[in-house]
C-alpha atoms as a PDB file:
ATOM      1  CA  UNK A   1     174.079 173.613  79.545  1.00  0.00           C
ATOM      2  CA  UNK A   2     174.815 174.266  83.222  1.00  0.00           C
ATOM      3  CA  UNK A   3     177.594 172.274  84.905  1.00  0.00           C
ATOM      4  CA  UNK A   4     176.486 169.899  87.636  1.00  0.00           C
ATOM      5  CA  UNK A   5     177.614 170.920  91.097  1.00  0.00           C
ATOM      6  CA  UNK A   6     178.143 168.177  93.651  1.00  0.00           C
ATOM      7  CA  UNK A   7     177.683 169.497  97.183  1.00  0.00           C
ATOM      8  CA  UNK A   8     179.175 168.078 100.354  1.00  0.00           C
ATOM      9  CA  UNK A   9     175.691 166.934 101.358  1.00  0.00           C
ATOM     10  CA  UNK A  10     175.444 165.084  98.030  1.00  0.00           C
ATOM     11  CA  UNK A  11     178.719 163.318  98.828  1.00  0.00           C
ATOM     12  CA  UNK A  12     177.392 162.140 102.218  1.00  0.00           C
ATOM     13  CA  UNK A  13     174.083 160.962 100.790  1.00  0.00           C
ATOM     14  CA  UNK A  14     175.819 159.124  97.946  1.00  0.00           C
ATOM     15  CA  UNK A  15     178.111 157.359 100.431  1.00  0.00           C
ATOM     16  CA  UNK A  16     175.115 156.279 102.548  1.00  0.00           C
ATOM     17  CA  UNK A  17     173.220 154.993  99.503  1.00  0.00           C
ATOM     18  CA  UNK A  18     176.290 153.022  98.430  1.00  0.00           C
ATOM     19  CA  UNK A  19     176.688 151.561 101.944  1.00  0.00           C
ATOM     20  CA  UNK A  20     173.069 150.339 101.777  1.00  0.00           C
ATOM     21  CA  UNK A  21     173.667 148.855  98.337  1.00  0.00           C
ATOM     22  CA  UNK A  22     176.748 146.992  99.625  1.00  0.00           C
ATOM     23  CA  UNK A  23     174.710 145.636 102.555  1.00  0.00           C
ATOM     24  CA  UNK A  24     176.760 147.494 105.171  1.00  0.00           C
ATOM     25  CA  UNK A  25     173.780 149.585 106.327  1.00  0.00           C
ATOM     26  CA  UNK A  26     170.253 148.370 106.906  1.00  0.00           C
ATOM     27  CA  UNK A  27     167.290 150.773 106.829  1.00  0.00           C
ATOM     28  CA  UNK A  28     166.733 150.489 110.590  1.00  0.00           C
ATOM     29  CA  UNK A  29     170.378 150.999 111.646  1.00  0.00           C
ATOM     30  CA  UNK A  30     171.507 154.236 113.244  1.00  0.00           C
ATOM     31  CA  UNK A  31     174.311 156.032 111.432  1.00  0.00           C
ATOM     32  CA  UNK A  32     176.731 157.802 113.752  1.00  0.00           C
ATOM     33  CA  UNK A  33     178.380 160.943 112.416  1.00  0.00           C
ATOM     34  CA  UNK A  34     181.562 161.330 114.447  1.00  0.00           C
ATOM     35  CA  UNK A  35     182.148 164.997 113.783  1.00  0.00           C
ATOM     36  CA  UNK A  36     185.673 166.372 113.472  1.00  0.00           C
ATOM     37  CA  UNK A  37     187.328 167.646 116.612  1.00  0.00           C
ATOM     38  CA  UNK A  38     189.700 169.929 114.744  1.00  0.00           C
ATOM     39  CA  UNK A  39     189.698 171.720 111.387  1.00  0.00           C
ATOM     40  CA  UNK A  40     190.690 169.485 108.508  1.00  0.00           C
ATOM     41  CA  UNK A  41     189.690 166.265 110.268  1.00  0.00           C
ATOM     42  CA  UNK A  42     187.236 163.928 108.587  1.00  0.00           C
ATOM     43  CA  UNK A  43     183.601 163.300 109.376  1.00  0.00           C
ATOM     44  CA  UNK A  44     183.506 159.575 110.107  1.00  0.00           C
ATOM     45  CA  UNK A  45     180.175 157.887 109.455  1.00  0.00           C
ATOM     46  CA  UNK A  46     179.845 154.590 111.345  1.00  0.00           C
ATOM     47  CA  UNK A  47     177.316 151.986 112.452  1.00  0.00           C
ATOM     48  CA  UNK A  48     177.316 149.795 115.553  1.00  0.00           C
ATOM     49  CA  UNK A  49     177.077 146.033 115.344  1.00  0.00           C
ATOM     50  CA  UNK A  50     175.090 143.873 117.781  1.00  0.00           C
ATOM     51  CA  UNK A  51     178.085 143.778 120.139  1.00  0.00           C
ATOM     52  CA  UNK A  52     178.261 147.589 120.225  1.00  0.00           C
ATOM     53  CA  UNK A  53     181.437 147.867 118.138  1.00  0.00           C
ATOM     54  CA  UNK A  54     181.552 150.656 115.589  1.00  0.00           C
ATOM     55  CA  UNK A  55     182.254 149.930 111.935  1.00  0.00           C
ATOM     56  CA  UNK A  56     183.267 152.732 109.583  1.00  0.00           C
ATOM     57  CA  UNK A  57     181.045 153.217 106.538  1.00  0.00           C
ATOM     58  CA  UNK A  58     182.948 156.198 105.146  1.00  0.00           C
ATOM     59  CA  UNK A  59     185.336 158.980 106.142  1.00  0.00           C
ATOM     60  CA  UNK A  60     184.869 162.269 104.313  1.00  0.00           C
ATOM     61  CA  UNK A  61     186.891 165.476 104.466  1.00  0.00           C
ATOM     62  CA  UNK A  62     185.351 168.668 103.192  1.00  0.00           C
ATOM     63  CA  UNK A  63     186.906 171.900 101.927  1.00  0.00           C
ATOM     64  CA  UNK A  64     183.820 173.769 103.109  1.00  0.00           C
ATOM     65  CA  UNK A  65     181.732 172.861 106.151  1.00  0.00           C
ATOM     66  CA  UNK A  66     178.542 170.910 105.718  1.00  0.00           C
ATOM     67  CA  UNK A  67     175.419 173.097 105.753  1.00  0.00           C
ATOM     68  CA  UNK A  68     173.902 173.747 109.182  1.00  0.00           C
ATOM     69  CA  UNK A  69     170.819 171.704 108.290  1.00  0.00           C
ATOM     70  CA  UNK A  70     172.693 168.665 106.942  1.00  0.00           C
ATOM     71  CA  UNK A  71     171.581 166.334 109.750  1.00  0.00           C
ATOM     72  CA  UNK A  72     167.903 167.140 109.239  1.00  0.00           C
ATOM     73  CA  UNK A  73     168.312 166.701 105.463  1.00  0.00           C
ATOM     74  CA  UNK A  74     169.882 163.260 105.952  1.00  0.00           C
ATOM     75  CA  UNK A  75     167.086 162.276 108.354  1.00  0.00           C
ATOM     76  CA  UNK A  76     164.467 163.593 105.931  1.00  0.00           C
ATOM     77  CA  UNK A  77     165.784 161.104 103.376  1.00  0.00           C
ATOM     78  CA  UNK A  78     165.072 158.182 105.695  1.00  0.00           C
ATOM     79  CA  UNK A  79     168.349 157.693 107.554  1.00  0.00           C
ATOM     80  CA  UNK A  80     168.562 157.477 111.327  1.00  0.00           C
ATOM     81  CA  UNK A  81     171.439 159.825 112.164  1.00  0.00           C
ATOM     82  CA  UNK A  82     173.055 160.511 115.512  1.00  0.00           C
ATOM     83  CA  UNK A  83     175.693 163.227 115.859  1.00  0.00           C
ATOM     84  CA  UNK A  84     178.717 162.415 118.006  1.00  0.00           C
ATOM     85  CA  UNK A  85     181.542 164.829 118.775  1.00  0.00           C
ATOM     86  CA  UNK A  86     184.943 163.412 117.816  1.00  0.00           C
ATOM     87  CA  UNK A  87     187.775 163.073 120.284  1.00  0.00           C
END
């Protein structure tokens, strides 16, 4: 039997599914990926409320970078994703 490998993309998708299950993310909301501004910083996935304030869904740090196509893979699974450079 082969061991199961959990990828960084799997971690992001799992976190988004869990946020939907908790009611923190609706299907029509845009998820903002505030990308790290320096090595070792976390990707912060947020949503905006009606007043424009951002609310953190999850912060994830990765040992290896996410794959180059991660944003398109997340979108392909039905999430509205916007990439934002961190500051």
